[in-house]
């Protein structure tokens, strides 16, 4: 997957979880939880969706690496390179 495909996939997952999410003013380097009003359950839903779709196991201690859109892409890119 390319970086753009990963970014689009993350936004698609977030939109599936929160249909009212607004991405127009999204800062890729600011925490997603703050910008999109995601709570901890929403965040876990994102992690679970990544597991379901791509068979990714993301250890809890690595969750902070999924804080921003940019950090998500950086974290997922090597794990999804063959997806």
N, C-alpha and C. Protein backbone atom coordinates (compact mmCIF):
# COMPACT_ATOMS: atom_id res chain seq x y z
N UNK A 1 0.84 -1.19 0.00
CA UNK A 1 0.00 0.00 0.00
C UNK A 1 0.88 1.25 0.00
N UNK A 2 0.44 2.24 -0.72
CA UNK A 2 1.15 3.52 -0.72
C UNK A 2 0.75 4.33 0.51
N UNK A 3 1.50 5.38 0.77
CA UNK A 3 1.18 6.26 1.91
C UNK A 3 -0.21 6.87 1.74
N UNK A 4 -0.54 7.28 0.52
CA UNK A 4 -1.87 7.87 0.28
C UNK A 4 -2.98 6.85 0.49
N UNK A 5 -2.75 5.61 0.06
CA UNK A 5 -3.75 4.56 0.26
C UNK A 5 -3.95 4.27 1.75
N UNK A 6 -2.87 4.28 2.50
CA UNK A 6 -2.97 4.05 3.95
C UNK A 6 -3.74 5.20 4.60
N UNK A 7 -3.42 6.43 4.22
CA UNK A 7 -4.12 7.60 4.76
C UNK A 7 -5.62 7.50 4.46
N UNK A 8 -5.96 7.19 3.21
CA UNK A 8 -7.37 7.06 2.83
C UNK A 8 -8.06 5.94 3.61
N UNK A 9 -7.35 4.84 3.82
CA UNK A 9 -7.92 3.71 4.55
C UNK A 9 -8.19 4.09 6.01
N UNK A 10 -7.28 4.84 6.62
CA UNK A 10 -7.47 5.27 8.01
C UNK A 10 -8.69 6.19 8.10
N UNK A 11 -8.78 7.13 7.18
CA UNK A 11 -9.92 8.05 7.18
C UNK A 11 -11.23 7.31 6.92
N UNK A 12 -11.19 6.30 6.07
CA UNK A 12 -12.39 5.49 5.80
C UNK A 12 -12.83 4.75 7.07
N UNK A 13 -11.88 4.18 7.79
CA UNK A 13 -12.20 3.48 9.04
C UNK A 13 -12.81 4.45 10.04
N UNK A 14 -12.20 5.63 10.17
CA UNK A 14 -12.73 6.63 11.10
C UNK A 14 -14.14 7.04 10.70
N UNK A 15 -14.37 7.22 9.41
CA UNK A 15 -15.70 7.61 8.93
C UNK A 15 -16.72 6.51 9.21
N UNK A 16 -16.31 5.25 9.09
CA UNK A 16 -17.21 4.13 9.42
C UNK A 16 -17.60 4.16 10.90
N UNK A 17 -16.67 4.57 11.75
CA UNK A 17 -16.91 4.61 13.19
C UNK A 17 -17.72 5.85 13.57
N UNK A 18 -17.39 6.97 12.94
CA UNK A 18 -18.06 8.24 13.25
C UNK A 18 -18.46 8.92 11.94
N UNK A 19 -19.70 8.70 11.53
CA UNK A 19 -20.18 9.22 10.25
C UNK A 19 -20.17 10.75 10.19
N UNK A 20 -20.12 11.40 11.34
CA UNK A 20 -20.15 12.86 11.37
C UNK A 20 -18.74 13.47 11.40
N UNK A 21 -17.71 12.64 11.27
CA UNK A 21 -16.33 13.14 11.30
C UNK A 21 -16.09 14.10 10.15
N UNK A 22 -15.47 15.22 10.46
CA UNK A 22 -15.15 16.25 9.47
C UNK A 22 -13.65 16.22 9.21
N UNK A 23 -13.27 16.01 7.95
CA UNK A 23 -11.87 15.92 7.61
C UNK A 23 -11.34 17.16 6.89
N UNK A 24 -12.21 18.14 6.64
CA UNK A 24 -11.81 19.32 5.86
C UNK A 24 -10.64 20.08 6.50
N UNK A 25 -10.68 20.26 7.79
CA UNK A 25 -9.66 21.05 8.50
C UNK A 25 -8.66 20.16 9.24
N UNK A 26 -8.59 18.90 8.88
CA UNK A 26 -7.76 17.95 9.60
C UNK A 26 -6.28 18.26 9.44
N UNK A 27 -5.60 18.43 10.56
CA UNK A 27 -4.15 18.64 10.57
C UNK A 27 -3.51 17.25 10.73
N UNK A 28 -2.76 16.79 9.74
CA UNK A 28 -2.22 15.43 9.80
C UNK A 28 -1.21 15.22 10.94
N UNK A 29 -0.73 16.33 11.53
CA UNK A 29 0.26 16.20 12.59
C UNK A 29 -0.29 16.50 13.98
N UNK A 30 -1.59 16.71 14.08
CA UNK A 30 -2.23 16.93 15.38
C UNK A 30 -2.97 15.66 15.79
N UNK A 31 -3.11 15.43 17.08
CA UNK A 31 -3.78 14.21 17.54
C UNK A 31 -5.19 14.06 16.97
N UNK A 32 -5.46 12.88 16.41
CA UNK A 32 -6.77 12.60 15.83
C UNK A 32 -7.86 12.66 16.89
N UNK A 33 -7.58 12.15 18.08
CA UNK A 33 -8.60 12.11 19.13
C UNK A 33 -9.09 13.50 19.47
N UNK A 34 -8.19 14.48 19.49
CA UNK A 34 -8.57 15.85 19.82
C UNK A 34 -9.34 16.50 18.68
N UNK A 35 -8.90 16.27 17.47
CA UNK A 35 -9.51 16.93 16.31
C UNK A 35 -10.88 16.36 15.97
N UNK A 36 -11.04 15.06 16.15
CA UNK A 36 -12.28 14.40 15.71
C UNK A 36 -13.16 13.97 16.86
N UNK A 37 -12.80 14.38 18.06
CA UNK A 37 -13.60 14.03 19.24
C UNK A 37 -13.77 12.52 19.39
N UNK A 38 -12.70 11.79 19.17
CA UNK A 38 -12.74 10.34 19.33
C UNK A 38 -12.48 9.98 20.78
N UNK A 39 -13.28 9.08 21.32
CA UNK A 39 -13.01 8.63 22.68
C UNK A 39 -12.20 7.34 22.64
N UNK A 40 -11.89 6.79 23.78
CA UNK A 40 -11.04 5.61 23.82
C UNK A 40 -11.69 4.41 23.14
N UNK A 41 -13.00 4.30 23.21
CA UNK A 41 -13.68 3.20 22.53
C UNK A 41 -13.58 3.36 21.01
N UNK A 42 -13.71 4.58 20.52
CA UNK A 42 -13.55 4.82 19.09
C UNK A 42 -12.15 4.41 18.65
N UNK A 43 -11.16 4.79 19.46
CA UNK A 43 -9.78 4.46 19.12
C UNK A 43 -9.60 2.94 19.08
N UNK A 44 -10.15 2.24 20.05
CA UNK A 44 -10.06 0.78 20.05
C UNK A 44 -10.78 0.18 18.86
N UNK A 45 -11.88 0.78 18.45
CA UNK A 45 -12.58 0.32 17.25
C UNK A 45 -11.69 0.44 16.01
N UNK A 46 -10.90 1.50 15.94
CA UNK A 46 -9.97 1.67 14.82
C UNK A 46 -8.94 0.55 14.84
N UNK A 47 -8.37 0.29 16.00
CA UNK A 47 -7.37 -0.77 16.13
C UNK A 47 -7.98 -2.13 15.76
N UNK A 48 -9.20 -2.38 16.23
CA UNK A 48 -9.86 -3.66 15.93
C UNK A 48 -10.15 -3.79 14.44
N UNK A 49 -10.52 -2.70 13.81
CA UNK A 49 -10.80 -2.73 12.37
C UNK A 49 -9.51 -3.01 11.59
N UNK A 50 -8.40 -2.45 12.01
CA UNK A 50 -7.12 -2.76 11.37
C UNK A 50 -6.78 -4.24 11.52
N UNK A 51 -7.08 -4.79 12.69
CA UNK A 51 -6.85 -6.22 12.92
C UNK A 51 -7.74 -7.05 12.00
N UNK A 52 -9.01 -6.67 11.92
CA UNK A 52 -9.96 -7.44 11.13
C UNK A 52 -9.63 -7.38 9.63
N UNK A 53 -9.37 -6.18 9.13
CA UNK A 53 -9.15 -6.01 7.69
C UNK A 53 -7.79 -6.51 7.22
N UNK A 54 -6.76 -6.27 8.03
CA UNK A 54 -5.40 -6.50 7.57
C UNK A 54 -4.61 -7.47 8.44
N UNK A 55 -5.27 -8.12 9.39
CA UNK A 55 -4.63 -9.10 10.27
C UNK A 55 -3.44 -8.50 11.01
N UNK A 56 -3.55 -7.22 11.37
CA UNK A 56 -2.49 -6.54 12.10
C UNK A 56 -2.70 -6.70 13.60
N UNK A 57 -1.66 -7.08 14.28
CA UNK A 57 -1.68 -7.13 15.74
C UNK A 57 -0.90 -5.91 16.22
N UNK A 58 -1.58 -4.98 16.84
CA UNK A 58 -0.93 -3.77 17.32
C UNK A 58 -0.89 -3.84 18.85
N UNK A 59 0.31 -4.02 19.40
CA UNK A 59 0.42 -4.09 20.86
C UNK A 59 0.00 -2.78 21.52
N UNK A 60 -0.60 -2.89 22.67
CA UNK A 60 -1.13 -1.71 23.37
C UNK A 60 -0.05 -0.65 23.61
N UNK A 61 1.18 -1.09 23.87
CA UNK A 61 2.24 -0.12 24.13
C UNK A 61 2.62 0.68 22.87
N UNK A 62 2.15 0.24 21.71
CA UNK A 62 2.42 0.96 20.46
C UNK A 62 1.26 1.87 20.04
N UNK A 63 0.17 1.88 20.78
CA UNK A 63 -0.98 2.74 20.45
C UNK A 63 -0.59 4.21 20.30
N UNK A 64 0.32 4.74 21.12
CA UNK A 64 0.68 6.16 20.95
C UNK A 64 1.22 6.48 19.55
N UNK A 65 1.74 5.48 18.86
CA UNK A 65 2.25 5.70 17.51
C UNK A 65 1.12 5.92 16.50
N UNK A 66 -0.11 5.74 16.94
CA UNK A 66 -1.28 5.95 16.08
C UNK A 66 -2.01 7.25 16.42
N UNK A 67 -1.33 8.16 17.08
CA UNK A 67 -1.98 9.37 17.59
C UNK A 67 -2.40 10.33 16.49
N UNK A 68 -1.55 10.54 15.49
CA UNK A 68 -1.86 11.49 14.42
C UNK A 68 -2.00 10.75 13.10
N UNK A 69 -2.55 11.40 12.11
CA UNK A 69 -2.67 10.77 10.80
C UNK A 69 -1.29 10.45 10.24
N UNK A 70 -0.36 11.37 10.38
CA UNK A 70 1.00 11.14 9.88
C UNK A 70 1.67 9.99 10.61
N UNK A 71 1.53 9.96 11.94
CA UNK A 71 2.16 8.87 12.69
C UNK A 71 1.51 7.53 12.38
N UNK A 72 0.21 7.52 12.11
CA UNK A 72 -0.47 6.28 11.69
C UNK A 72 0.14 5.76 10.40
N UNK A 73 0.29 6.65 9.44
CA UNK A 73 0.85 6.25 8.14
C UNK A 73 2.28 5.74 8.34
N UNK A 74 3.07 6.47 9.11
CA UNK A 74 4.46 6.06 9.36
C UNK A 74 4.53 4.69 10.03
N UNK A 75 3.63 4.45 10.98
CA UNK A 75 3.61 3.18 11.69
C UNK A 75 3.12 2.04 10.80
N UNK A 76 2.07 2.30 10.03
CA UNK A 76 1.44 1.23 9.25
C UNK A 76 2.15 0.93 7.92
N UNK A 77 2.85 1.91 7.38
CA UNK A 77 3.45 1.72 6.05
C UNK A 77 4.32 0.46 5.95
N UNK A 78 5.27 0.22 6.85
CA UNK A 78 6.06 -1.00 6.71
C UNK A 78 5.25 -2.29 6.96
N UNK A 79 4.20 -2.18 7.76
CA UNK A 79 3.38 -3.35 8.06
C UNK A 79 2.39 -3.69 6.95
N UNK A 80 2.09 -2.71 6.10
CA UNK A 80 1.12 -2.92 5.02
C UNK A 80 1.76 -2.85 3.63
N UNK A 81 3.07 -2.92 3.57
CA UNK A 81 3.73 -2.75 2.28
C UNK A 81 3.32 -3.80 1.26
N UNK A 82 2.93 -4.97 1.72
CA UNK A 82 2.52 -6.04 0.80
C UNK A 82 1.01 -6.22 0.71
N UNK A 83 0.28 -5.33 1.37
CA UNK A 83 -1.20 -5.46 1.39
C UNK A 83 -1.80 -4.95 0.10
